[in-house]
Amino acid sequence: MSVYDQLPLEGMPRRLYSCTPSRLNTWLDCRRRYRFTYLDRPQPAKGPAWAHNSVGASVHNALAGWWREPYERRTPLTAAILLTNGWITEGFRDGEQSAQWLGRARDLVSGYVATLDPSDDPVGVERTVATRTKVIAVSGRIDRLDRRGDELVVVDYKTGRRPLTQDDARSSLALAIYAIAASRMMRTPCYSVELHHLPTGEIVEWRHTDDTLRRHLSRAEEMAVEAADADERYRAALSDVPAPRSGSGSGAGTAGRTAPRAPRPESGGPLQPATGGQKTVVSAELDDLFAPSPGPICGWCDFRRHCPEGQAAAQERRPWDGLAD
């Protein structure tokens, strides 16, 4: 069976789990962060924006815009102008640091596009692809999709300070899913994935096989089954919360007003769903299901302020600490 065919699911049929690779990786990395990100509504307040994310988003937007320009305008100067016009200033220490990184990012994009053939139009830029099996309906957005000969190649831009290795490309669930989805949607083989590291100019490539792609897809399904079960148990906990009684202050006499929401737990402790102004603490078993995975990475978590385990595991990072020296 080809990796692009649907895979079987043992047991009873269930609704497809709709997800992105990012959602699956969040479930794998930290279930509490998964809960905060995808389940809790209102979502717990995030920390401040990260400067390194601002750099990455600005660079990605400029490169996407560069390919949308007419052929004669696809020059390093155009890339620098697009970067400047779309510069995101959030997360930097001050205006001076933002200006310094604007200059560095201009050099990154202009230097990178100087290595490209402006006439070699990609198949897609910021292209959304999707596929499904009998377990999941997964989608994501590819930075760039090239055609090389009779095959497609997934290209992912990287702007982080850490040098990349071939293992980064080989082990990436997202890149594998993108390759599968692109191939199925466009009926063209896609086995090669590339990481383009702009700070060093390095291109890290990995060529998958049907077997390696199938293993990634199977791994995604396994995570999806676990996450879907947890989602259902979370929703069941919400549905078990009794409705407010008439005359309690959230019913009669409040026409045209919205009932207040229950405050969110700052400690990251037992789940406290907000329904009809009432706060309900669900079982410790369900809270354990969304237990955190504390470690050094907690210093970079958007929800660190809501997680005492994360606070204990890693020091708080400043919004600009992710920038290279």
Protein backbone atom coordinates (compact mmCIF):
# COMPACT_ATOMS: atom_id res chain seq x y z
CA MET A 1 0.00 0.00 0.00
CA SER A 2 1.32 3.45 -0.89
CA VAL A 3 1.91 5.94 1.89
CA TYR A 4 -0.61 8.19 0.19
CA ASP A 5 -3.42 5.70 0.71
CA GLN A 6 -5.58 5.85 3.78
CA LEU A 7 -4.35 3.80 6.69
CA PRO A 8 -6.64 1.47 8.65
CA LEU A 9 -7.89 2.22 12.15
CA GLU A 10 -8.48 -0.62 14.56
CA GLY A 11 -11.59 -0.54 16.73
CA MET A 12 -14.75 1.49 16.41
CA PRO A 13 -15.07 4.27 13.84
CA ARG A 14 -14.58 7.76 15.20
CA ARG A 15 -14.79 11.30 13.93
CA LEU A 16 -11.64 12.43 12.15
CA TYR A 17 -9.30 14.43 14.35
CA SER A 18 -8.72 17.77 12.62
CA CYS A 19 -5.24 19.13 13.32
CA THR A 20 -2.03 20.70 12.15
CA PRO A 21 1.49 19.36 12.75
CA SER A 22 1.91 22.19 15.26
CA ARG A 23 -1.05 20.96 17.28
CA LEU A 24 0.30 17.41 17.31
CA ASN A 25 3.76 18.56 18.34
CA THR A 26 2.28 20.66 21.14
CA TRP A 27 0.48 17.57 22.46
CA LEU A 28 3.75 15.67 22.34
CA ASP A 29 5.82 18.42 23.97
CA CYS A 30 3.54 19.50 26.82
CA ARG A 31 -0.06 18.56 27.43
CA ARG A 32 -0.73 21.50 29.71
CA ARG A 33 0.41 23.90 27.00
CA TYR A 34 -1.81 21.97 24.58
CA ARG A 35 -4.77 22.52 26.88
CA PHE A 36 -4.02 26.22 27.27
CA THR A 37 -3.55 26.66 23.52
CA TYR A 38 -6.36 24.61 22.01
CA LEU A 39 -8.97 23.87 24.67
CA ASP A 40 -9.30 26.53 27.36
CA ARG A 41 -11.69 29.30 26.39
CA PRO A 42 -11.10 32.05 27.13
CA GLN A 43 -7.49 31.21 26.52
CA PRO A 44 -5.14 32.10 29.40
CA ALA A 45 -3.25 35.32 28.77
CA LYS A 46 0.02 34.85 26.96
CA GLY A 47 3.28 36.53 27.81
CA PRO A 48 4.78 39.32 25.69
CA ALA A 49 5.71 38.81 22.04
CA TRP A 50 9.12 37.32 21.26
CA ALA A 51 11.56 39.37 19.23
CA HIS A 52 12.95 36.31 17.44
CA ASN A 53 9.42 35.46 16.28
CA SER A 54 9.08 39.00 14.93
CA VAL A 55 12.29 38.54 12.95
CA GLY A 56 11.15 35.17 11.61
CA ALA A 57 7.71 36.39 10.59
CA SER A 58 9.12 39.50 8.92
CA VAL A 59 11.60 37.45 6.91
CA HIS A 60 9.01 34.85 5.88
CA ASN A 61 6.58 37.55 4.77
CA ALA A 62 9.25 39.33 2.73
CA LEU A 63 10.31 36.14 0.95
CA ALA A 64 6.72 35.22 0.16
CA GLY A 65 6.11 38.71 -1.18
CA TRP A 66 9.28 38.57 -3.28
CA TRP A 67 8.02 35.58 -5.26
CA ARG A 68 4.72 37.37 -5.87
CA GLU A 69 6.49 40.29 -7.51
CA PRO A 70 6.80 40.41 -11.33
CA TYR A 71 9.92 38.73 -12.65
CA GLU A 72 11.75 41.99 -13.37
CA ARG A 73 11.31 43.13 -9.74
CA ARG A 74 12.71 39.98 -8.14
CA THR A 75 15.96 41.55 -7.06
CA PRO A 76 17.86 41.72 -3.74
CA LEU A 77 16.82 45.38 -3.44
CA THR A 78 13.15 44.47 -3.70
CA ALA A 79 13.59 41.86 -0.98
CA ALA A 80 15.19 44.46 1.29
CA ILE A 81 12.36 46.92 0.62
CA LEU A 82 9.69 44.31 1.34
CA LEU A 83 11.44 43.40 4.58
CA THR A 84 11.67 47.03 5.65
CA ASN A 85 8.05 47.84 4.80
CA GLY A 86 6.76 44.79 6.64
CA TRP A 87 9.08 44.91 9.66
CA ILE A 88 7.43 43.74 12.89
CA THR A 89 8.73 45.63 15.93
CA GLU A 90 7.22 43.57 18.77
CA GLY A 91 9.40 42.03 21.46
CA PHE A 92 12.58 44.07 21.06
CA ARG A 93 14.27 45.73 24.01
CA ASP A 94 13.99 49.16 22.42
CA GLY A 95 13.93 50.99 19.11
CA GLU A 96 17.68 50.77 18.77
CA GLN A 97 17.69 46.98 19.00
CA SER A 98 14.79 46.77 16.55
CA ALA A 99 16.65 48.97 14.07
CA GLN A 100 19.80 46.89 14.45
CA TRP A 101 17.91 43.69 13.69
CA LEU A 102 16.09 45.31 10.82
CA GLY A 103 19.46 45.88 9.19
CA ARG A 104 20.57 42.31 9.86
CA ALA A 105 17.31 40.90 8.50
CA ARG A 106 17.61 43.04 5.36
CA ASP A 107 21.01 41.50 4.76
CA LEU A 108 19.58 38.02 5.31
CA VAL A 109 16.79 38.28 2.76
CA SER A 110 18.76 40.21 0.13
CA GLY A 111 21.68 37.81 0.43
CA TYR A 112 19.41 34.78 0.22
CA VAL A 113 17.42 35.86 -2.83
CA ALA A 114 20.70 36.67 -4.60
CA THR A 115 21.27 32.89 -4.65
CA LEU A 116 17.88 32.18 -6.28
CA ASP A 117 16.88 32.07 -9.92
CA PRO A 118 14.04 34.62 -10.16
CA SER A 119 12.66 32.88 -13.23
CA ASP A 120 12.26 29.56 -11.41
CA ASP A 121 8.71 30.09 -10.16
CA PRO A 122 7.74 27.83 -7.26
CA VAL A 123 4.68 25.63 -7.44
CA GLY A 124 3.41 27.35 -4.33
CA VAL A 125 4.38 30.04 -1.82
CA GLU A 126 2.79 30.00 1.63
CA ARG A 127 0.72 27.17 0.18
CA THR A 128 -1.82 25.41 2.38
CA VAL A 129 -1.92 21.65 1.87
CA ALA A 130 -4.11 19.03 3.50
CA THR A 131 -4.68 15.31 3.56
CA ARG A 132 -6.59 12.77 5.58
CA THR A 133 -6.50 9.19 6.69
CA LYS A 134 -9.14 7.18 8.52
CA VAL A 135 -7.91 8.82 11.71
CA ILE A 136 -6.87 12.40 11.01
CA ALA A 137 -7.60 15.37 8.77
CA VAL A 138 -4.32 17.28 8.83
CA SER A 139 -3.39 20.54 7.15
CA GLY A 140 -0.53 23.02 7.18
CA ARG A 141 1.15 25.79 5.26
CA ILE A 142 4.38 25.28 3.31
CA ASP A 143 6.83 28.17 3.03
CA ARG A 144 7.68 27.19 -0.51
CA LEU A 145 6.96 24.23 -2.77
CA ASP A 146 9.37 23.72 -5.66
CA ARG A 147 9.28 21.44 -8.67
CA ARG A 148 12.58 19.72 -9.41
CA GLY A 149 12.33 17.52 -12.48
CA ASP A 150 9.38 15.18 -12.05
CA GLU A 151 9.10 15.67 -8.28
CA LEU A 152 8.07 18.28 -5.73
CA VAL A 153 10.34 19.55 -2.95
CA VAL A 154 9.18 21.06 0.35
CA VAL A 155 11.24 24.11 1.35
CA ASP A 156 11.11 25.52 4.88
CA TYR A 157 12.87 28.77 5.83
CA LYS A 158 14.70 28.97 9.16
CA THR A 159 16.01 32.14 10.81
CA GLY A 160 17.00 30.85 14.27
CA ARG A 161 20.48 31.13 15.69
CA ARG A 162 20.99 27.36 16.06
CA PRO A 163 22.76 25.66 13.15
CA LEU A 164 20.72 22.85 11.61
CA THR A 165 21.61 19.22 10.97
CA GLN A 166 20.26 16.62 8.61
CA ASP A 167 18.48 15.06 11.56
CA ASP A 168 16.36 18.20 11.86
CA ALA A 169 15.02 17.61 8.36
CA ARG A 170 14.74 13.84 8.76
CA SER A 171 12.82 13.95 12.05
CA SER A 172 10.46 16.82 11.24
CA LEU A 173 6.88 15.61 11.44
CA ALA A 174 5.64 18.79 9.77
CA LEU A 175 7.88 18.46 6.71
CA ALA A 176 6.92 14.81 6.26
CA ILE A 177 3.21 15.62 6.50
CA TYR A 178 3.64 18.48 4.02
CA ALA A 179 5.36 16.12 1.56
CA ILE A 180 2.55 13.58 1.82
CA ALA A 181 -0.19 16.20 1.50
CA ALA A 182 1.46 18.00 -1.43
CA SER A 183 1.97 14.76 -3.31
CA ARG A 184 -1.63 13.67 -2.83
CA MET A 185 -3.11 17.06 -3.73
CA MET A 186 -0.98 17.56 -6.84
CA ARG A 187 -0.61 13.94 -7.85
CA THR A 188 3.13 14.37 -8.09
CA PRO A 189 5.79 12.50 -6.08
CA CYS A 190 7.28 14.45 -3.19
CA TYR A 191 10.03 12.88 -1.11
CA SER A 192 12.64 15.60 -0.59
CA VAL A 193 12.37 18.20 2.18
CA GLU A 194 14.78 21.08 2.70
CA LEU A 195 15.58 23.46 5.54
CA HIS A 196 17.07 26.73 4.31
CA HIS A 197 18.96 28.36 7.19
CA LEU A 198 19.29 32.00 6.20
CA PRO A 199 21.81 33.09 8.87
CA THR A 200 24.42 30.60 7.62
CA GLY A 201 23.25 30.06 4.04
CA GLU A 202 23.16 26.32 4.71
CA ILE A 203 20.61 24.07 2.99
CA VAL A 204 19.89 20.86 4.86
CA GLU A 205 18.11 18.21 2.81
CA TRP A 206 16.53 14.87 3.60
CA ARG A 207 15.03 12.49 1.08
CA HIS A 208 12.23 10.35 2.45
CA THR A 209 11.03 6.98 1.24
CA ASP A 210 7.53 5.57 1.28
CA ASP A 211 8.46 3.75 4.48
CA THR A 212 9.79 6.80 6.32
CA LEU A 213 6.79 8.88 5.29
CA ARG A 214 4.45 6.11 6.40
CA ARG A 215 6.16 5.98 9.79
CA HIS A 216 5.69 9.72 10.25
CA LEU A 217 2.04 9.44 9.30
CA SER A 218 1.53 6.52 11.67
CA ARG A 219 3.19 8.51 14.46
CA ALA A 220 0.87 11.43 13.74
CA GLU A 221 -2.14 9.12 13.97
CA GLU A 222 -1.01 7.72 17.30
CA MET A 223 -0.67 11.21 18.76
CA ALA A 224 -4.01 12.20 17.26
CA VAL A 225 -5.83 9.30 18.90
CA GLU A 226 -4.42 10.26 22.31
CA ALA A 227 -5.20 13.95 21.84
CA ALA A 228 -8.71 13.28 20.53
CA ASP A 229 -9.51 11.12 23.58
CA ALA A 230 -8.26 13.89 25.86
CA ASP A 231 -10.31 16.48 23.97
CA GLU A 232 -13.45 14.39 24.40
CA ARG A 233 -12.86 13.99 28.12
CA TYR A 234 -12.31 17.71 28.44
CA ARG A 235 -15.57 18.47 26.62
CA ALA A 236 -17.39 15.94 28.77
CA ALA A 237 -16.13 17.73 31.88
CA LEU A 238 -17.58 20.99 30.55
CA SER A 239 -20.94 19.40 29.74
CA ASP A 240 -21.18 18.01 33.28
CA VAL A 241 -21.18 21.53 34.76
CA PRO A 242 -24.76 22.26 35.96
CA ALA A 243 -26.56 25.20 34.42
CA PRO A 244 -27.04 28.25 36.69
CA ARG A 245 -30.35 28.30 38.61
CA SER A 246 -32.98 30.86 37.74
CA GLY A 247 -32.70 33.99 39.84
CA SER A 248 -29.09 33.31 40.79
CA GLY A 249 -27.90 36.49 39.12
CA SER A 250 -27.02 34.91 35.78
CA GLY A 251 -30.55 34.18 34.59
CA ALA A 252 -33.68 36.28 35.21
CA GLY A 253 -33.29 40.01 35.09
CA THR A 254 -30.11 39.94 32.99
CA ALA A 255 -31.52 40.21 29.50
CA GLY A 256 -29.06 41.71 27.06
CA ARG A 257 -26.09 41.05 29.34
CA THR A 258 -23.40 38.41 29.13
CA ALA A 259 -22.94 36.20 32.16
CA PRO A 260 -19.52 36.67 33.76
CA ARG A 261 -16.94 34.01 33.10
CA ALA A 262 -15.23 32.12 35.85
CA PRO A 263 -11.68 33.27 36.52
CA ARG A 264 -8.96 31.12 34.99
CA PRO A 265 -6.63 29.24 37.33
CA GLU A 266 -3.31 31.05 37.55
CA SER A 267 -1.62 28.04 39.11
CA GLY A 268 -2.22 25.67 36.22
CA GLY A 269 -3.90 23.40 38.76
CA PRO A 270 -7.17 21.49 38.36
CA LEU A 271 -9.16 22.43 35.29
CA GLN A 272 -11.77 25.07 36.03
CA PRO A 273 -14.02 25.43 32.98
CA ALA A 274 -15.80 28.76 32.57
CA THR A 275 -19.49 28.12 31.96
CA GLY A 276 -22.34 30.43 32.79
CA GLY A 277 -20.35 32.28 35.44
CA GLN A 278 -19.83 29.15 37.55
CA LYS A 279 -16.46 27.66 38.36
CA THR A 280 -16.22 23.89 38.37
CA VAL A 281 -13.16 21.95 39.38
CA VAL A 282 -12.93 18.73 37.42
CA SER A 283 -11.31 15.52 38.56
CA ALA A 284 -7.66 15.20 39.42
CA GLU A 285 -7.56 12.36 36.90
CA LEU A 286 -8.45 14.75 34.10
CA ASP A 287 -5.95 17.28 35.35
CA ASP A 288 -3.30 14.56 35.27
CA LEU A 289 -4.22 13.89 31.67
CA PHE A 290 -3.05 17.43 30.86
CA ALA A 291 0.02 17.30 33.09
CA PRO A 292 2.97 19.55 32.19
CA SER A 293 6.35 18.39 30.93
CA PRO A 294 8.67 20.77 32.78
CA GLY A 295 12.16 21.38 31.45
CA PRO A 296 14.53 24.06 30.15
CA ILE A 297 12.16 24.90 27.30
CA CYS A 298 9.62 26.19 29.84
CA GLY A 299 11.50 29.47 29.95
CA TRP A 300 10.26 30.13 26.42
CA CYS A 301 6.63 29.10 26.96
CA ASP A 302 3.94 31.70 26.30
CA PHE A 303 1.98 30.34 29.25
CA ARG A 304 4.78 30.11 31.81
CA ARG A 305 3.01 32.51 34.17
CA HIS A 306 0.17 30.01 34.57
CA CYS A 307 2.35 27.00 35.32
CA PRO A 308 4.25 26.71 38.64
CA GLU A 309 6.06 23.61 37.42
CA GLY A 310 7.33 25.52 34.42
CA GLN A 311 8.39 28.44 36.58
CA ALA A 312 10.38 26.09 38.78
CA ALA A 313 11.96 24.29 35.83
CA ALA A 314 13.41 27.28 33.98
CA GLN A 315 14.13 30.94 34.53
CA GLU A 316 11.98 33.52 32.83
CA ARG A 317 13.30 34.65 29.48
CA ARG A 318 13.22 38.21 28.28
CA PRO A 319 11.37 38.78 25.00
CA TRP A 320 14.64 39.46 23.13
CA ASP A 321 16.71 36.62 24.62
CA GLY A 322 16.11 34.41 21.57
CA LEU A 323 18.07 36.73 19.29
CA ALA A 324 21.56 35.74 18.27
CA ASP A 325 24.45 37.65 19.83
